[in-house]
């Protein structure tokens, strides 16, 4: 559970530091949400998501590494963590379930790659 909390804290710190990165903003008049795309220094998308007009995170947020590979999938409802969050790295997939902004459950799986046929 401590690792999950550390991942969440790291994610939030990353969100705060993106304010200094290049970004694109677009108001969706149908949903009244501000869509945002942040970019790494190399031009690759680093994060996508949406804000409410009063600045709260809303809906699905995705984070990518500098090669464009998805690392985090998170969900917000009016600034609160909700639903399933996923954290990928080279060897594991971690699922963190949030209920009313509180961790309800954590599951972790090892990622196994198929071995190439040696014939």
Protein backbone atom coordinates (compact mmCIF):
# COMPACT_ATOMS: atom_id res chain seq x y z
CA UNK A 1 0.00 0.00 0.00
CA UNK A 2 2.88 2.37 0.75
CA UNK A 3 4.19 1.93 -2.79
CA UNK A 4 0.79 2.91 -4.17
CA UNK A 5 0.72 6.02 -2.07
CA UNK A 6 4.22 6.88 -3.29
CA UNK A 7 3.10 6.38 -6.90
CA UNK A 8 0.14 8.69 -6.30
CA UNK A 9 2.35 11.33 -4.71
CA UNK A 10 4.82 11.05 -7.59
CA UNK A 11 1.95 11.44 -10.06
CA UNK A 12 0.68 14.56 -8.31
CA UNK A 13 4.17 16.07 -8.21
CA UNK A 14 4.49 15.34 -11.92
CA UNK A 15 1.18 17.11 -12.57
CA UNK A 16 2.41 20.17 -10.68
CA UNK A 17 5.68 20.31 -12.62
CA UNK A 18 3.90 20.14 -15.98
CA UNK A 19 2.82 23.74 -15.50
CA UNK A 20 6.28 24.70 -16.77
CA UNK A 21 6.12 22.47 -19.86
CA UNK A 22 4.67 23.22 -23.28
CA UNK A 23 0.95 22.59 -23.36
CA UNK A 24 -2.11 22.95 -25.56
CA UNK A 25 -5.46 23.99 -24.06
CA UNK A 26 -8.88 23.79 -25.67
CA UNK A 27 -12.32 24.52 -24.20
CA UNK A 28 -14.94 21.91 -25.06
CA UNK A 29 -18.14 23.96 -25.22
CA UNK A 30 -20.33 20.82 -25.03
CA UNK A 31 -18.84 19.56 -21.74
CA UNK A 32 -17.55 22.90 -20.45
CA UNK A 33 -14.19 21.20 -19.74
CA UNK A 34 -10.74 22.45 -20.67
CA UNK A 35 -8.84 19.73 -22.50
CA UNK A 36 -5.09 19.85 -22.07
CA UNK A 37 -2.11 18.13 -23.64
CA UNK A 38 1.33 18.50 -22.04
CA UNK A 39 4.55 17.72 -23.92
CA UNK A 40 7.99 16.47 -22.94
CA UNK A 41 10.98 18.58 -24.01
CA UNK A 42 11.45 16.23 -26.98
CA UNK A 43 7.94 17.05 -28.26
CA UNK A 44 6.35 13.73 -27.29
CA UNK A 45 3.04 13.94 -25.41
CA UNK A 46 3.65 13.60 -21.67
CA UNK A 47 0.10 13.89 -20.35
CA UNK A 48 -3.49 14.35 -21.50
CA UNK A 49 -6.59 15.18 -19.53
CA UNK A 50 -9.19 17.80 -18.71
CA UNK A 51 -9.89 20.44 -16.10
CA UNK A 52 -13.15 21.92 -14.96
CA UNK A 53 -13.46 25.65 -15.57
CA UNK A 54 -12.57 26.19 -11.89
CA UNK A 55 -9.29 24.26 -12.29
CA UNK A 56 -10.16 20.80 -10.90
CA UNK A 57 -8.96 17.66 -12.65
CA UNK A 58 -11.81 15.82 -14.37
CA UNK A 59 -12.19 12.50 -16.17
CA UNK A 60 -9.41 10.30 -17.47
CA UNK A 61 -5.80 11.50 -17.33
CA UNK A 62 -3.04 9.62 -19.14
CA UNK A 63 0.71 9.99 -18.59
CA UNK A 64 3.41 8.87 -21.03
CA UNK A 65 7.18 8.49 -20.83
CA UNK A 66 9.56 10.35 -23.16
CA UNK A 67 9.23 7.56 -25.75
CA UNK A 68 5.43 7.92 -25.78
CA UNK A 69 4.66 4.71 -23.89
CA UNK A 70 1.70 4.94 -21.50
CA UNK A 71 2.74 4.77 -17.85
CA UNK A 72 -0.30 5.94 -15.86
CA UNK A 73 -4.05 5.97 -16.38
CA UNK A 74 -5.93 7.93 -13.72
CA UNK A 75 -9.53 9.07 -13.17
CA UNK A 76 -10.87 12.15 -11.44
CA UNK A 77 -14.31 13.43 -10.58
CA UNK A 78 -14.33 17.14 -9.78
CA UNK A 79 -10.74 16.97 -8.49
CA UNK A 80 -11.18 13.76 -6.47
CA UNK A 81 -9.47 10.46 -7.29
CA UNK A 82 -12.04 7.86 -8.33
CA UNK A 83 -12.24 4.46 -9.97
CA UNK A 84 -9.35 2.39 -11.22
CA UNK A 85 -5.89 3.84 -11.70
CA UNK A 86 -3.23 1.85 -13.54
CA UNK A 87 0.55 2.18 -13.24
CA UNK A 88 2.77 0.40 -15.77
CA UNK A 89 6.51 -0.13 -15.65
CA UNK A 90 8.82 -2.64 -17.33
CA UNK A 91 7.94 -5.54 -15.04
CA UNK A 92 4.59 -4.83 -13.34
CA UNK A 93 1.09 -3.51 -13.76
CA UNK A 94 -0.41 -2.02 -10.62
CA UNK A 95 -4.13 -1.32 -10.24
CA UNK A 96 -5.21 1.07 -7.51
CA UNK A 97 -8.94 1.39 -6.84
CA UNK A 98 -10.14 4.68 -5.38
CA UNK A 99 -13.44 5.25 -3.66
CA UNK A 100 -14.27 8.85 -2.69
CA UNK A 101 -10.62 9.97 -2.96
CA UNK A 102 -9.37 7.10 -0.73
CA UNK A 103 -7.48 3.95 -1.75
CA UNK A 104 -9.91 1.03 -1.48
CA UNK A 105 -7.79 -1.75 -2.99
CA UNK A 106 -4.41 -2.38 -4.61
CA UNK A 107 -3.54 -5.24 -6.98
CA UNK A 108 -0.26 -5.91 -8.74
CA UNK A 109 0.66 -8.24 -11.59
CA UNK A 110 3.97 -9.23 -13.08
CA UNK A 111 4.21 -8.53 -16.80
CA UNK A 112 5.49 -11.60 -18.59
CA UNK A 113 6.62 -11.39 -22.18
CA UNK A 114 6.43 -14.43 -24.46
CA UNK A 115 9.78 -16.07 -25.11
CA UNK A 116 10.78 -16.10 -28.79
CA UNK A 117 10.84 -19.50 -30.43
CA UNK A 118 14.46 -20.65 -30.76
CA UNK A 119 13.79 -22.91 -33.77
